[in-house]
Amino acid sequence: MPDDKTKRAPLDNKRIDVDDPAEVRNWCKSFGCSAAELKKAVSEVGTSAAAVKQHLGK
């Protein structure tokens, strides 16, 4: 994630960083899921945004 916190899009839009609250909010909004659902999906399928999206059925 960039040092400039005013940038809202993920730096790498192919990977999900669940340790960055701003990224978690953005991915949750994008996938229409809760933070807990996102984190669970990442723990099950990894940090690939495509894999998480498929896992969530979005």
C-alpha atoms as a PDB file:
ATOM      1  CA  MET A   1       0.000   0.000   0.000  1.00  0.00           C
ATOM      2  CA  PRO A   2       1.355   3.450  -0.756  1.00  0.00           C
ATOM      3  CA  ASP A   3       2.539   5.763   1.999  1.00  0.00           C
ATOM      4  CA  ASP A   4       0.049   8.360   0.773  1.00  0.00           C
ATOM      5  CA  LYS A   5      -3.145   7.324   2.592  1.00  0.00           C
ATOM      6  CA  THR A   6      -5.246   9.607   0.385  1.00  0.00           C
ATOM      7  CA  LYS A   7      -4.879   7.030  -2.393  1.00  0.00           C
ATOM      8  CA  ARG A   8      -7.818   4.717  -1.976  1.00  0.00           C
ATOM      9  CA  ALA A   9      -7.189   2.062  -4.618  1.00  0.00           C
ATOM     10  CA  PRO A  10      -4.944  -0.861  -3.711  1.00  0.00           C
ATOM     11  CA  LEU A  11      -1.368  -0.512  -4.915  1.00  0.00           C
ATOM     12  CA  ASP A  12      -1.480  -4.039  -6.315  1.00  0.00           C
ATOM     13  CA  ASN A  13      -5.027  -4.697  -7.418  1.00  0.00           C
ATOM     14  CA  LYS A  14      -4.320  -8.416  -7.812  1.00  0.00           C
ATOM     15  CA  ARG A  15      -3.430  -9.092  -4.164  1.00  0.00           C
ATOM     16  CA  ILE A  16      -5.355  -8.448  -0.955  1.00  0.00           C
ATOM     17  CA  ASP A  17      -3.510  -7.169   2.128  1.00  0.00           C
ATOM     18  CA  VAL A  18      -5.758  -7.986   5.089  1.00  0.00           C
ATOM     19  CA  ASP A  19      -3.342  -6.160   7.422  1.00  0.00           C
ATOM     20  CA  ASP A  20      -4.184  -2.796   5.837  1.00  0.00           C
ATOM     21  CA  PRO A  21      -7.540  -1.455   7.094  1.00  0.00           C
ATOM     22  CA  ALA A  22      -7.991   0.824   4.072  1.00  0.00           C
ATOM     23  CA  GLU A  23      -7.498  -2.078   1.680  1.00  0.00           C
ATOM     24  CA  VAL A  24      -9.871  -4.271   3.671  1.00  0.00           C
ATOM     25  CA  ARG A  25     -12.554  -1.558   3.440  1.00  0.00           C
ATOM     26  CA  ASN A  26     -11.997  -1.171  -0.303  1.00  0.00           C
ATOM     27  CA  TRP A  27     -12.084  -4.900  -1.033  1.00  0.00           C
ATOM     28  CA  CYS A  28     -15.167  -5.382   1.157  1.00  0.00           C
ATOM     29  CA  LYS A  29     -16.935  -2.621  -0.750  1.00  0.00           C
ATOM     30  CA  SER A  30     -15.821  -4.107  -4.061  1.00  0.00           C
ATOM     31  CA  PHE A  31     -16.913  -7.654  -3.182  1.00  0.00           C
ATOM     32  CA  GLY A  32     -19.961  -6.700  -1.104  1.00  0.00           C
ATOM     33  CA  CYS A  33     -18.809  -8.664   1.922  1.00  0.00           C
ATOM     34  CA  SER A  34     -17.843  -8.085   5.536  1.00  0.00           C
ATOM     35  CA  ALA A  35     -14.266  -7.824   6.784  1.00  0.00           C
ATOM     36  CA  ALA A  36     -14.651 -11.172   8.535  1.00  0.00           C
ATOM     37  CA  GLU A  37     -15.845 -12.837   5.315  1.00  0.00           C
ATOM     38  CA  LEU A  38     -12.948 -11.299   3.377  1.00  0.00           C
ATOM     39  CA  LYS A  39     -10.347 -12.396   5.923  1.00  0.00           C
ATOM     40  CA  LYS A  40     -11.790 -15.910   6.068  1.00  0.00           C
ATOM     41  CA  ALA A  41     -11.730 -16.174   2.274  1.00  0.00           C
ATOM     42  CA  VAL A  42      -8.107 -14.964   2.161  1.00  0.00           C
ATOM     43  CA  SER A  43      -7.131 -17.543   4.792  1.00  0.00           C
ATOM     44  CA  GLU A  44      -8.805 -20.282   2.729  1.00  0.00           C
ATOM     45  CA  VAL A  45      -7.693 -19.410  -0.825  1.00  0.00           C
ATOM     46  CA  GLY A  46      -4.791 -16.959  -0.453  1.00  0.00           C
ATOM     47  CA  THR A  47      -4.319 -13.296  -1.296  1.00  0.00           C
ATOM     48  CA  SER A  48      -5.203 -13.444  -4.987  1.00  0.00           C
ATOM     49  CA  ALA A  49      -8.109 -11.061  -5.588  1.00  0.00           C
ATOM     50  CA  ALA A  50      -9.415 -13.283  -8.399  1.00  0.00           C
ATOM     51  CA  ALA A  51      -9.385 -16.388  -6.181  1.00  0.00           C
ATOM     52  CA  VAL A  52     -11.090 -14.543  -3.313  1.00  0.00           C
ATOM     53  CA  LYS A  53     -13.720 -13.131  -5.662  1.00  0.00           C
ATOM     54  CA  GLN A  54     -14.474 -16.591  -7.025  1.00  0.00           C
ATOM     55  CA  HIS A  55     -14.528 -18.095  -3.514  1.00  0.00           C
ATOM     56  CA  LEU A  56     -17.030 -15.469  -2.380  1.00  0.00           C
ATOM     57  CA  GLY A  57     -19.157 -16.149  -5.452  1.00  0.00           C
ATOM     58  CA  LYS A  58     -18.959 -12.558  -6.704  1.00  0.00           C
END
